[in-house]
Amino acid sequence: MNGIGSRLRKERERLGLSQRVFGEIGGVEANAQGKYESGDRAPKADYLAAVAARGVDVLFVLTGMPTPIPVDNLTQAEEKVLGSFRTLHKEDQDAIRRLTTTMADLSASYLTNNKSM
């Protein structure tokens, strides 16, 4: 599974929501949500607008490219982290990217598992 469906699932999991709850946000039944995620059906604009209002990165869902975060919206802590990151060698930057990706995946998994309890 790849494409829009898999990215939609990633966004749902990132937000820690079940298919049922996520579908409700988008105004569809859980089975329709499952079909969107499996690629059997394509979501409509009103669905995408509704889930976007709840924090889904629709640009990422549609294109695979995350919505850029404007640099002027960074907190001081984020600016400091980014500045430090940019001074690192490429190999160290790659290691940091792997670390933060793994941590984000684990965090999303933790949130998903705790929502189902």
PDB file of N, CA and C in Angstrom:
ATOM      1  N   MET A   1       0.846  -1.180   0.000  1.00  0.00           N
ATOM      2  CA  MET A   1       0.000   0.000   0.000  1.00  0.00           C
ATOM      3  C   MET A   1       0.887   1.237   0.000  1.00  0.00           C
ATOM      4  N   ASN A   2       0.641   2.103  -0.972  1.00  0.00           N
ATOM      5  CA  ASN A   2       1.363   3.374  -0.995  1.00  0.00           C
ATOM      6  C   ASN A   2       0.461   4.433  -1.589  1.00  0.00           C
ATOM      7  N   GLY A   3       0.941   5.632  -1.682  1.00  0.00           N
ATOM      8  CA  GLY A   3       0.140   6.703  -2.233  1.00  0.00           C
ATOM      9  C   GLY A   3      -0.704   7.408  -1.193  1.00  0.00           C
ATOM     10  N   ILE A   4      -1.793   7.995  -1.671  1.00  0.00           N
ATOM     11  CA  ILE A   4      -2.659   8.803  -0.813  1.00  0.00           C
ATOM     12  C   ILE A   4      -3.158   7.999   0.390  1.00  0.00           C
ATOM     13  N   GLY A   5      -3.578   6.763   0.167  1.00  0.00           N
ATOM     14  CA  GLY A   5      -4.116   5.938   1.249  1.00  0.00           C
ATOM     15  C   GLY A   5      -3.132   5.729   2.388  1.00  0.00           C
ATOM     16  N   SER A   6      -1.908   5.374   2.039  1.00  0.00           N
ATOM     17  CA  SER A   6      -0.920   5.125   3.098  1.00  0.00           C
ATOM     18  C   SER A   6      -0.548   6.414   3.820  1.00  0.00           C
ATOM     19  N   ARG A   7      -0.496   7.523   3.091  1.00  0.00           N
ATOM     20  CA  ARG A   7      -0.175   8.795   3.743  1.00  0.00           C
ATOM     21  C   ARG A   7      -1.332   9.257   4.631  1.00  0.00           C
ATOM     22  N   LEU A   8      -2.551   8.979   4.198  1.00  0.00           N
ATOM     23  CA  LEU A   8      -3.711   9.305   5.027  1.00  0.00           C
ATOM     24  C   LEU A   8      -3.676   8.494   6.323  1.00  0.00           C
ATOM     25  N   ARG A   9      -3.330   7.219   6.219  1.00  0.00           N
ATOM     26  CA  ARG A   9      -3.200   6.366   7.405  1.00  0.00           C
ATOM     27  C   ARG A   9      -2.113   6.907   8.330  1.00  0.00           C
ATOM     28  N   LYS A  10      -0.970   7.315   7.756  1.00  0.00           N
ATOM     29  CA  LYS A  10       0.119   7.868   8.575  1.00  0.00           C
ATOM     30  C   LYS A  10      -0.344   9.108   9.340  1.00  0.00           C
ATOM     31  N   GLU A  11      -1.098   9.960   8.675  1.00  0.00           N
ATOM     32  CA  GLU A  11      -1.602  11.154   9.347  1.00  0.00           C
ATOM     33  C   GLU A  11      -2.591  10.784  10.456  1.00  0.00           C
ATOM     34  N   ARG A  12      -3.458   9.818  10.184  1.00  0.00           N
ATOM     35  CA  ARG A  12      -4.412   9.371  11.211  1.00  0.00           C
ATOM     36  C   ARG A  12      -3.661   8.828  12.417  1.00  0.00           C
ATOM     37  N   GLU A  13      -2.666   7.991  12.164  1.00  0.00           N
ATOM     38  CA  GLU A  13      -1.879   7.404  13.253  1.00  0.00           C
ATOM     39  C   GLU A  13      -1.076   8.476  13.984  1.00  0.00           C
ATOM     40  N   ARG A  14      -0.544   9.446  13.237  1.00  0.00           N
ATOM     41  CA  ARG A  14       0.207  10.532  13.883  1.00  0.00           C
ATOM     42  C   ARG A  14      -0.681  11.276  14.872  1.00  0.00           C
ATOM     43  N   LEU A  15      -1.944  11.429  14.529  1.00  0.00           N
ATOM     44  CA  LEU A  15      -2.883  12.111  15.416  1.00  0.00           C
ATOM     45  C   LEU A  15      -3.442  11.179  16.490  1.00  0.00           C
ATOM     46  N   GLY A  16      -3.116   9.894  16.406  1.00  0.00           N
ATOM     47  CA  GLY A  16      -3.545   8.939  17.426  1.00  0.00           C
ATOM     48  C   GLY A  16      -5.026   8.628  17.390  1.00  0.00           C
ATOM     49  N   LEU A  17      -5.610   8.586  16.198  1.00  0.00           N
ATOM     50  CA  LEU A  17      -7.048   8.376  16.075  1.00  0.00           C
ATOM     51  C   LEU A  17      -7.370   7.038  15.421  1.00  0.00           C
ATOM     52  N   SER A  18      -8.490   6.449  15.825  1.00  0.00           N
ATOM     53  CA  SER A  18      -8.972   5.221  15.194  1.00  0.00           C
ATOM     54  C   SER A  18      -9.583   5.561  13.842  1.00  0.00           C
ATOM     55  N   GLN A  19      -9.778   4.544  13.003  1.00  0.00           N
ATOM     56  CA  GLN A  19     -10.437   4.777  11.719  1.00  0.00           C
ATOM     57  C   GLN A  19     -11.849   5.318  11.929  1.00  0.00           C
ATOM     58  N   ARG A  20     -12.542   4.805  12.932  1.00  0.00           N
ATOM     59  CA  ARG A  20     -13.906   5.240  13.197  1.00  0.00           C
ATOM     60  C   ARG A  20     -13.944   6.728  13.528  1.00  0.00           C
ATOM     61  N   VAL A  21     -13.108   7.153  14.468  1.00  0.00           N
ATOM     62  CA  VAL A  21     -13.095   8.558  14.889  1.00  0.00           C
ATOM     63  C   VAL A  21     -12.626   9.455  13.746  1.00  0.00           C
ATOM     64  N   PHE A  22     -11.603   9.014  13.049  1.00  0.00           N
ATOM     65  CA  PHE A  22     -11.079   9.810  11.940  1.00  0.00           C
ATOM     66  C   PHE A  22     -12.136   9.952  10.847  1.00  0.00           C
ATOM     67  N   GLY A  23     -12.820   8.855  10.561  1.00  0.00           N
ATOM     68  CA  GLY A  23     -13.893   8.896   9.568  1.00  0.00           C
ATOM     69  C   GLY A  23     -14.994   9.855   9.978  1.00  0.00           C
ATOM     70  N   GLU A  24     -15.356   9.834  11.254  1.00  0.00           N
ATOM     71  CA  GLU A  24     -16.382  10.757  11.757  1.00  0.00           C
ATOM     72  C   GLU A  24     -15.965  12.208  11.544  1.00  0.00           C
ATOM     73  N   ILE A  25     -14.707  12.501  11.786  1.00  0.00           N
ATOM     74  CA  ILE A  25     -14.200  13.863  11.578  1.00  0.00           C
ATOM     75  C   ILE A  25     -14.393  14.263  10.115  1.00  0.00           C
ATOM     76  N   GLY A  26     -14.121  13.317   9.220  1.00  0.00           N
ATOM     77  CA  GLY A  26     -14.270  13.591   7.794  1.00  0.00           C
ATOM     78  C   GLY A  26     -15.678  13.431   7.268  1.00  0.00           C
ATOM     79  N   GLY A  27     -16.590  12.973   8.123  1.00  0.00           N
ATOM     80  CA  GLY A  27     -17.976  12.819   7.719  1.00  0.00           C
ATOM     81  C   GLY A  27     -18.264  11.534   6.959  1.00  0.00           C
ATOM     82  N   VAL A  28     -17.439  10.487   7.199  1.00  0.00           N
ATOM     83  CA  VAL A  28     -17.664   9.207   6.535  1.00  0.00           C
ATOM     84  C   VAL A  28     -17.670   8.088   7.568  1.00  0.00           C
ATOM     85  N   GLU A  29     -18.184   6.937   7.183  1.00  0.00           N
ATOM     86  CA  GLU A  29     -18.197   5.757   8.049  1.00  0.00           C
ATOM     87  C   GLU A  29     -16.795   5.144   8.115  1.00  0.00           C
ATOM     88  N   ALA A  30     -16.565   4.304   9.123  1.00  0.00           N
ATOM     89  CA  ALA A  30     -15.262   3.657   9.300  1.00  0.00           C
ATOM     90  C   ALA A  30     -14.897   2.818   8.084  1.00  0.00           C
ATOM     91  N   ASN A  31     -15.885   2.160   7.455  1.00  0.00           N
ATOM     92  CA  ASN A  31     -15.555   1.334   6.291  1.00  0.00           C
ATOM     93  C   ASN A  31     -15.078   2.192   5.124  1.00  0.00           C
ATOM     94  N   ALA A  32     -15.634   3.388   4.954  1.00  0.00           N
ATOM     95  CA  ALA A  32     -15.161   4.295   3.906  1.00  0.00           C
ATOM     96  C   ALA A  32     -13.738   4.757   4.230  1.00  0.00           C
ATOM     97  N   GLN A  33     -13.489   5.033   5.512  1.00  0.00           N
ATOM     98  CA  GLN A  33     -12.145   5.430   5.927  1.00  0.00           C
ATOM     99  C   GLN A  33     -11.151   4.322   5.587  1.00  0.00           C
ATOM    100  N   GLY A  34     -11.529   3.085   5.861  1.00  0.00           N
ATOM    101  CA  GLY A  34     -10.670   1.950   5.537  1.00  0.00           C
ATOM    102  C   GLY A  34     -10.408   1.848   4.045  1.00  0.00           C
ATOM    103  N   LYS A  35     -11.421   2.118   3.235  1.00  0.00           N
ATOM    104  CA  LYS A  35     -11.245   2.076   1.778  1.00  0.00           C
ATOM    105  C   LYS A  35     -10.339   3.207   1.298  1.00  0.00           C
ATOM    106  N   TYR A  36     -10.434   4.372   1.932  1.00  0.00           N
ATOM    107  CA  TYR A  36      -9.520   5.459   1.589  1.00  0.00           C
ATOM    108  C   TYR A  36      -8.078   5.029   1.872  1.00  0.00           C
ATOM    109  N   GLU A  37      -7.872   4.448   3.051  1.00  0.00           N
ATOM    110  CA  GLU A  37      -6.524   4.073   3.468  1.00  0.00           C
ATOM    111  C   GLU A  37      -5.962   2.920   2.648  1.00  0.00           C
ATOM    112  N   SER A  38      -6.826   2.043   2.168  1.00  0.00           N
ATOM    113  CA  SER A  38      -6.350   0.915   1.345  1.00  0.00           C
ATOM    114  C   SER A  38      -6.179   1.309  -0.117  1.00  0.00           C
ATOM    115  N   GLY A  39      -6.667   2.488  -0.486  1.00  0.00           N
ATOM    116  CA  GLY A  39      -6.558   2.940  -1.864  1.00  0.00           C
ATOM    117  C   GLY A  39      -7.706   2.492  -2.747  1.00  0.00           C
ATOM    118  N   ASP A  40      -8.724   1.853  -2.159  1.00  0.00           N
ATOM    119  CA  ASP A  40      -9.884   1.406  -2.937  1.00  0.00           C
ATOM    120  C   ASP A  40     -10.784   2.570  -3.356  1.00  0.00           C
ATOM    121  N   ARG A  41     -10.759   3.656  -2.573  1.00  0.00           N
ATOM    122  CA  ARG A  41     -11.552   4.846  -2.887  1.00  0.00           C
ATOM    123  C   ARG A  41     -10.695   6.083  -2.647  1.00  0.00           C
ATOM    124  N   ALA A  42     -11.029   7.155  -3.342  1.00  0.00           N
ATOM    125  CA  ALA A  42     -10.310   8.420  -3.158  1.00  0.00           C
ATOM    126  C   ALA A  42     -11.186   9.383  -2.354  1.00  0.00           C
ATOM    127  N   PRO A  43     -10.604  10.048  -1.365  1.00  0.00           N
ATOM    128  CA  PRO A  43     -11.383  10.996  -0.570  1.00  0.00           C
ATOM    129  C   PRO A  43     -11.782  12.221  -1.389  1.00  0.00           C
ATOM    130  N   LYS A  44     -12.924  12.793  -1.043  1.00  0.00           N
ATOM    131  CA  LYS A  44     -13.420  13.997  -1.718  1.00  0.00           C
ATOM    132  C   LYS A  44     -12.920  15.245  -0.994  1.00  0.00           C
ATOM    133  N   ALA A  45     -13.095  16.373  -1.654  1.00  0.00           N
ATOM    134  CA  ALA A  45     -12.582  17.640  -1.137  1.00  0.00           C
ATOM    135  C   ALA A  45     -13.184  18.009   0.215  1.00  0.00           C
ATOM    136  N   ASP A  46     -14.478  17.766   0.416  1.00  0.00           N
ATOM    137  CA  ASP A  46     -15.093  18.144   1.689  1.00  0.00           C
ATOM    138  C   ASP A  46     -14.535  17.320   2.843  1.00  0.00           C
ATOM    139  N   TYR A  47     -14.245  16.065   2.580  1.00  0.00           N
ATOM    140  CA  TYR A  47     -13.602  15.192   3.576  1.00  0.00           C
ATOM    141  C   TYR A  47     -12.214  15.741   3.913  1.00  0.00           C
ATOM    142  N   LEU A  48     -11.433  16.042   2.877  1.00  0.00           N
ATOM    143  CA  LEU A  48     -10.071  16.547   3.094  1.00  0.00           C
ATOM    144  C   LEU A  48     -10.089  17.877   3.851  1.00  0.00           C
ATOM    145  N   ALA A  49     -11.052  18.729   3.539  1.00  0.00           N
ATOM    146  CA  ALA A  49     -11.158  20.008   4.258  1.00  0.00           C
ATOM    147  C   ALA A  49     -11.478  19.775   5.727  1.00  0.00           C
ATOM    148  N   ALA A  50     -12.356  18.813   6.006  1.00  0.00           N
ATOM    149  CA  ALA A  50     -12.735  18.535   7.396  1.00  0.00           C
ATOM    150  C   ALA A  50     -11.563  17.978   8.190  1.00  0.00           C
ATOM    151  N   VAL A  51     -10.802  17.041   7.614  1.00  0.00           N
ATOM    152  CA  VAL A  51      -9.673  16.468   8.365  1.00  0.00           C
ATOM    153  C   VAL A  51      -8.528  17.472   8.471  1.00  0.00           C
ATOM    154  N   ALA A  52      -8.403  18.347   7.475  1.00  0.00           N
ATOM    155  CA  ALA A  52      -7.377  19.395   7.550  1.00  0.00           C
ATOM    156  C   ALA A  52      -7.655  20.323   8.721  1.00  0.00           C
ATOM    157  N   ALA A  53      -8.927  20.591   8.964  1.00  0.00           N
ATOM    158  CA  ALA A  53      -9.299  21.462  10.085  1.00  0.00           C
ATOM    159  C   ALA A  53      -8.938  20.842  11.421  1.00  0.00           C
ATOM    160  N   ARG A  54      -8.720  19.531  11.453  1.00  0.00           N
ATOM    161  CA  ARG A  54      -8.342  18.839  12.687  1.00  0.00           C
ATOM    162  C   ARG A  54      -6.846  18.526  12.751  1.00  0.00           C
ATOM    163  N   GLY A  55      -6.047  19.101  11.830  1.00  0.00           N
ATOM    164  CA  GLY A  55      -4.608  18.984  11.935  1.00  0.00           C
ATOM    165  C   GLY A  55      -3.931  18.082  10.925  1.00  0.00           C
ATOM    166  N   VAL A  56      -4.672  17.535   9.975  1.00  0.00           N
ATOM    167  CA  VAL A  56      -4.073  16.681   8.953  1.00  0.00           C
ATOM    168  C   VAL A  56      -3.338  17.558   7.942  1.00  0.00           C
ATOM    169  N   ASP A  57      -2.127  17.151   7.590  1.00  0.00           N
ATOM    170  CA  ASP A  57      -1.351  17.839   6.566  1.00  0.00           C
ATOM    171  C   ASP A  57      -1.826  17.321   5.213  1.00  0.00           C
ATOM    172  N   VAL A  58      -2.803  17.992   4.618  1.00  0.00           N
ATOM    173  CA  VAL A  58      -3.412  17.534   3.369  1.00  0.00           C
ATOM    174  C   VAL A  58      -2.424  17.617   2.210  1.00  0.00           C
ATOM    175  N   LEU A  59      -1.524  18.581   2.217  1.00  0.00           N
ATOM    176  CA  LEU A  59      -0.507  18.628   1.162  1.00  0.00           C
ATOM    177  C   LEU A  59       0.309  17.346   1.180  1.00  0.00           C
ATOM    178  N   PHE A  60       0.699  16.887   2.369  1.00  0.00           N
ATOM    179  CA  PHE A  60       1.433  15.629   2.489  1.00  0.00           C
ATOM    180  C   PHE A  60       0.589  14.462   1.992  1.00  0.00           C
ATOM    181  N   VAL A  61      -0.681  14.418   2.387  1.00  0.00           N
ATOM    182  CA  VAL A  61      -1.565  13.324   1.965  1.00  0.00           C
ATOM    183  C   VAL A  61      -1.637  13.260   0.446  1.00  0.00           C
ATOM    184  N   LEU A  62      -1.794  14.396  -0.201  1.00  0.00           N
ATOM    185  CA  LEU A  62      -1.982  14.415  -1.654  1.00  0.00           C
ATOM    186  C   LEU A  62      -0.699  14.259  -2.447  1.00  0.00           C
ATOM    187  N   THR A  63       0.402  14.824  -1.945  1.00  0.00           N
ATOM    188  CA  THR A  63       1.630  14.854  -2.754  1.00  0.00           C
ATOM    189  C   THR A  63       2.799  14.065  -2.181  1.00  0.00           C
ATOM    190  N   GLY A  64       2.740  13.758  -0.897  1.00  0.00           N
ATOM    191  CA  GLY A  64       3.880  13.116  -0.250  1.00  0.00           C
ATOM    192  C   GLY A  64       4.905  14.110   0.260  1.00  0.00           C
ATOM    193  N   MET A  65       4.677  15.394   0.008  1.00  0.00           N
ATOM    194  CA  MET A  65       5.586  16.444   0.472  1.00  0.00           C
ATOM    195  C   MET A  65       4.920  17.183   1.631  1.00  0.00           C
ATOM    196  N   PRO A  66       5.558  17.195   2.812  1.00  0.00           N
ATOM    197  CA  PRO A  66       4.946  17.889   3.951  1.00  0.00           C
ATOM    198  C   PRO A  66       4.822  19.388   3.695  1.00  0.00           C
ATOM    199  N   THR A  67       3.817  19.982   4.287  1.00  0.00           N
ATOM    200  CA  THR A  67       3.653  21.423   4.191  1.00  0.00           C
ATOM    201  C   THR A  67       4.836  22.095   4.875  1.00  0.00           C
ATOM    202  N   PRO A  68       5.523  22.986   4.169  1.00  0.00           N
ATOM    203  CA  PRO A  68       6.674  23.651   4.788  1.00  0.00           C
ATOM    204  C   PRO A  68       6.232  24.509   5.972  1.00  0.00           C
ATOM    205  N   ILE A  69       7.049  24.512   6.998  1.00  0.00           N
ATOM    206  CA  ILE A  69       6.791  25.361   8.160  1.00  0.00           C
ATOM    207  C   ILE A  69       7.519  26.679   7.924  1.00  0.00           C
ATOM    208  N   PRO A  70       6.785  27.776   7.915  1.00  0.00           N
ATOM    209  CA  PRO A  70       7.454  29.063   7.702  1.00  0.00           C
ATOM    210  C   PRO A  70       8.502  29.309   8.783  1.00  0.00           C
ATOM    211  N   VAL A  71       9.656  29.745   8.359  1.00  0.00           N
ATOM    212  CA  VAL A  71      10.764  29.955   9.287  1.00  0.00           C
ATOM    213  C   VAL A  71      10.414  31.020  10.322  1.00  0.00           C
ATOM    214  N   ASP A  72       9.584  31.989   9.956  1.00  0.00           N
ATOM    215  CA  ASP A  72       9.262  33.042  10.913  1.00  0.00           C
ATOM    216  C   ASP A  72       8.313  32.574  12.014  1.00  0.00           C
ATOM    217  N   ASN A  73       7.833  31.318  11.919  1.00  0.00           N
ATOM    218  CA  ASN A  73       6.960  30.776  12.961  1.00  0.00           C
ATOM    219  C   ASN A  73       7.700  29.862  13.936  1.00  0.00           C
ATOM    220  N   LEU A  74       9.018  29.762  13.819  1.00  0.00           N
ATOM    221  CA  LEU A  74       9.780  28.903  14.710  1.00  0.00           C
ATOM    222  C   LEU A  74       9.898  29.535  16.095  1.00  0.00           C
ATOM    223  N   THR A  75       9.837  28.674  17.113  1.00  0.00           N
ATOM    224  CA  THR A  75      10.089  29.150  18.467  1.00  0.00           C
ATOM    225  C   THR A  75      11.591  29.367  18.625  1.00  0.00           C
ATOM    226  N   GLN A  76      11.986  30.009  19.704  1.00  0.00           N
ATOM    227  CA  GLN A  76      13.412  30.215  19.958  1.00  0.00           C
ATOM    228  C   GLN A  76      14.134  28.877  20.097  1.00  0.00           C
ATOM    229  N   ALA A  77      13.488  27.923  20.758  1.00  0.00           N
ATOM    230  CA  ALA A  77      14.109  26.605  20.924  1.00  0.00           C
ATOM    231  C   ALA A  77      14.294  25.927  19.571  1.00  0.00           C
ATOM    232  N   GLU A  78      13.282  26.038  18.686  1.00  0.00           N
ATOM    233  CA  GLU A  78      13.389  25.436  17.360  1.00  0.00           C
ATOM    234  C   GLU A  78      14.488  26.107  16.536  1.00  0.00           C
ATOM    235  N   GLU A  79      14.592  27.418  16.642  1.00  0.00           N
ATOM    236  CA  GLU A  79      15.651  28.134  15.928  1.00  0.00           C
ATOM    237  C   GLU A  79      17.030  27.673  16.391  1.00  0.00           C
ATOM    238  N   LYS A  80      17.176  27.475  17.698  1.00  0.00           N
ATOM    239  CA  LYS A  80      18.461  27.039  18.236  1.00  0.00           C
ATOM    240  C   LYS A  80      18.801  25.629  17.751  1.00  0.00           C
ATOM    241  N   VAL A  81      17.802  24.730  17.780  1.00  0.00           N
ATOM    242  CA  VAL A  81      18.026  23.353  17.307  1.00  0.00           C
ATOM    243  C   VAL A  81      18.400  23.363  15.833  1.00  0.00           C
ATOM    244  N   LEU A  82      17.660  24.120  15.027  1.00  0.00           N
ATOM    245  CA  LEU A  82      17.938  24.185  13.597  1.00  0.00           C
ATOM    246  C   LEU A  82      19.322  24.765  13.331  1.00  0.00           C
ATOM    247  N   GLY A  83      19.665  25.820  14.047  1.00  0.00           N
ATOM    248  CA  GLY A  83      20.996  26.414  13.881  1.00  0.00           C
ATOM    249  C   GLY A  83      22.098  25.425  14.209  1.00  0.00           C
ATOM    250  N   SER A  84      21.931  24.683  15.291  1.00  0.00           N
ATOM    251  CA  SER A  84      22.921  23.672  15.668  1.00  0.00           C
ATOM    252  C   SER A  84      22.978  22.550  14.633  1.00  0.00           C
ATOM    253  N   PHE A  85      21.828  22.125  14.159  1.00  0.00           N
ATOM    254  CA  PHE A  85      21.750  21.056  13.155  1.00  0.00           C
ATOM    255  C   PHE A  85      22.524  21.446  11.904  1.00  0.00           C
ATOM    256  N   ARG A  86      22.372  22.685  11.489  1.00  0.00           N
ATOM    257  CA  ARG A  86      23.019  23.137  10.254  1.00  0.00           C
ATOM    258  C   ARG A  86      24.535  23.186  10.360  1.00  0.00           C
ATOM    259  N   THR A  87      25.071  23.216  11.569  1.00  0.00           N
ATOM    260  CA  THR A  87      26.525  23.239  11.727  1.00  0.00           C
ATOM    261  C   THR A  87      27.129  21.842  11.698  1.00  0.00           C
ATOM    262  N   LEU A  88      26.292  20.812  11.761  1.00  0.00           N
ATOM    263  CA  LEU A  88      26.779  19.430  11.795  1.00  0.00           C
ATOM    264  C   LEU A  88      27.227  18.953  10.416  1.00  0.00           C
ATOM    265  N   HIS A  89      28.123  17.972  10.420  1.00  0.00           N
ATOM    266  CA  HIS A  89      28.505  17.296   9.172  1.00  0.00           C
ATOM    267  C   HIS A  89      27.308  16.506   8.652  1.00  0.00           C
ATOM    268  N   LYS A  90      27.302  16.240   7.355  1.00  0.00           N
ATOM    269  CA  LYS A  90      26.189  15.544   6.720  1.00  0.00           C
ATOM    270  C   LYS A  90      25.885  14.215   7.407  1.00  0.00           C
ATOM    271  N   GLU A  91      26.901  13.459   7.771  1.00  0.00           N
ATOM    272  CA  GLU A  91      26.695  12.157   8.414  1.00  0.00           C
ATOM    273  C   GLU A  91      25.969  12.322   9.752  1.00  0.00           C
ATOM    274  N   ASP A  92      26.336  13.357  10.490  1.00  0.00           N
ATOM    275  CA  ASP A  92      25.674  13.617  11.776  1.00  0.00           C
ATOM    276  C   ASP A  92      24.237  14.106  11.562  1.00  0.00           C
ATOM    277  N   GLN A  93      24.027  14.921  10.536  1.00  0.00           N
ATOM    278  CA  GLN A  93      22.666  15.350  10.216  1.00  0.00           C
ATOM    279  C   GLN A  93      21.794  14.139   9.860  1.00  0.00           C
ATOM    280  N   ASP A  94      22.359  13.209   9.091  1.00  0.00           N
ATOM    281  CA  ASP A  94      21.614  11.995   8.732  1.00  0.00           C
ATOM    282  C   ASP A  94      21.246  11.195   9.980  1.00  0.00           C
ATOM    283  N   ALA A  95      22.186  11.102  10.924  1.00  0.00           N
ATOM    284  CA  ALA A  95      21.923  10.372  12.170  1.00  0.00           C
ATOM    285  C   ALA A  95      20.818  11.054  12.975  1.00  0.00           C
ATOM    286  N   ILE A  96      20.839  12.372  13.017  1.00  0.00           N
ATOM    287  CA  ILE A  96      19.801  13.124  13.734  1.00  0.00           C
ATOM    288  C   ILE A  96      18.444  12.914  13.069  1.00  0.00           C
ATOM    289  N   ARG A  97      18.406  12.933  11.744  1.00  0.00           N
ATOM    290  CA  ARG A  97      17.142  12.688  11.032  1.00  0.00           C
ATOM    291  C   ARG A  97      16.604  11.302  11.354  1.00  0.00           C
ATOM    292  N   ARG A  98      17.480  10.287  11.349  1.00  0.00           N
ATOM    293  CA  ARG A  98      17.032   8.925  11.680  1.00  0.00           C
ATOM    294  C   ARG A  98      16.512   8.858  13.112  1.00  0.00           C
ATOM    295  N   LEU A  99      17.217   9.486  14.026  1.00  0.00           N
ATOM    296  CA  LEU A  99      16.817   9.484  15.435  1.00  0.00           C
ATOM    297  C   LEU A  99      15.453  10.148  15.624  1.00  0.00           C
ATOM    298  N   THR A 100      15.281  11.339  15.063  1.00  0.00           N
ATOM    299  CA  THR A 100      14.020  12.045  15.264  1.00  0.00           C
ATOM    300  C   THR A 100      12.869  11.339  14.559  1.00  0.00           C
ATOM    301  N   THR A 101      13.131  10.729  13.416  1.00  0.00           N
ATOM    302  CA  THR A 101      12.082   9.969  12.723  1.00  0.00           C
ATOM    303  C   THR A 101      11.660   8.780  13.562  1.00  0.00           C
ATOM    304  N   THR A 102      12.615   8.069  14.114  1.00  0.00           N
ATOM    305  CA  THR A 102      12.309   6.921  14.967  1.00  0.00           C
ATOM    306  C   THR A 102      11.541   7.361  16.209  1.00  0.00           C
ATOM    307  N   MET A 103      11.978   8.448  16.823  1.00  0.00           N
ATOM    308  CA  MET A 103      11.286   8.943  18.017  1.00  0.00           C
ATOM    309  C   MET A 103       9.855   9.356  17.691  1.00  0.00           C
ATOM    310  N   ALA A 104       9.644  10.027  16.553  1.00  0.00           N
ATOM    311  CA  ALA A 104       8.292  10.446  16.157  1.00  0.00           C
ATOM    312  C   ALA A 104       7.416   9.228  15.883  1.00  0.00           C
ATOM    313  N   ASP A 105       7.974   8.216  15.216  1.00  0.00           N
ATOM    314  CA  ASP A 105       7.216   6.992  14.937  1.00  0.00           C
ATOM    315  C   ASP A 105       6.828   6.291  16.233  1.00  0.00           C
ATOM    316  N   LEU A 106       7.767   6.204  17.164  1.00  0.00           N
ATOM    317  CA  LEU A 106       7.481   5.567  18.452  1.00  0.00           C
ATOM    318  C   LEU A 106       6.453   6.362  19.241  1.00  0.00           C
ATOM    319  N   SER A 107       6.547   7.663  19.176  1.00  0.00           N
ATOM    320  CA  SER A 107       5.582   8.514  19.872  1.00  0.00           C
ATOM    321  C   SER A 107       4.183   8.323  19.294  1.00  0.00           C
ATOM    322  N   ALA A 108       4.080   8.282  17.970  1.00  0.00           N
ATOM    323  CA  ALA A 108       2.782   8.065  17.323  1.00  0.00           C
ATOM    324  C   ALA A 108       2.235   6.696  17.691  1.00  0.00           C
ATOM    325  N   SER A 109       3.108   5.690  17.726  1.00  0.00           N
ATOM    326  CA  SER A 109       2.691   4.338  18.096  1.00  0.00           C
ATOM    327  C   SER A 109       2.214   4.310  19.544  1.00  0.00           C
ATOM    328  N   TYR A 110       2.933   4.992  20.421  1.00  0.00           N
ATOM    329  CA  TYR A 110       2.560   5.057  21.836  1.00  0.00           C
ATOM    330  C   TYR A 110       1.191   5.710  21.987  1.00  0.00           C
ATOM    331  N   LEU A 111       0.989   6.823  21.277  1.00  0.00           N
ATOM    332  CA  LEU A 111      -0.302   7.519  21.360  1.00  0.00           C
ATOM    333  C   LEU A 111      -1.428   6.640  20.820  1.00  0.00           C
ATOM    334  N   THR A 112      -1.184   5.933  19.728  1.00  0.00           N
ATOM    335  CA  THR A 112      -2.193   5.062  19.142  1.00  0.00           C
ATOM    336  C   THR A 112      -2.538   3.942  20.105  1.00  0.00           C
ATOM    337  N   ASN A 113      -1.534   3.329  20.700  1.00  0.00           N
ATOM    338  CA  ASN A 113      -1.776   2.207  21.622  1.00  0.00           C
ATOM    339  C   ASN A 113      -2.506   2.670  22.878  1.00  0.00           C
ATOM    340  N   ASN A 114      -2.210   3.850  23.370  1.00  0.00           N
ATOM    341  CA  ASN A 114      -2.865   4.341  24.589  1.00  0.00           C
ATOM    342  C   ASN A 114      -4.274   4.845  24.322  1.00  0.00           C
ATOM    343  N   LYS A 115      -4.572   5.264  23.092  1.00  0.00           N
ATOM    344  CA  LYS A 115      -5.938   5.696  22.746  1.00  0.00           C
ATOM    345  C   LYS A 115      -6.882   4.509  22.729  1.00  0.00           C
ATOM    346  N   SER A 116      -6.361   3.315  22.420  1.00  0.00           N
ATOM    347  CA  SER A 116      -7.231   2.147  22.305  1.00  0.00           C
ATOM    348  C   SER A 116      -7.488   1.499  23.660  1.00  0.00           C
ATOM    349  N   MET A 117      -6.849   1.994  24.713  1.00  0.00           N
ATOM    350  CA  MET A 117      -7.053   1.416  26.055  1.00  0.00           C
ATOM    351  C   MET A 117      -8.255   1.999  26.729  1.00  0.00           C
TER     352      MET A 117
END
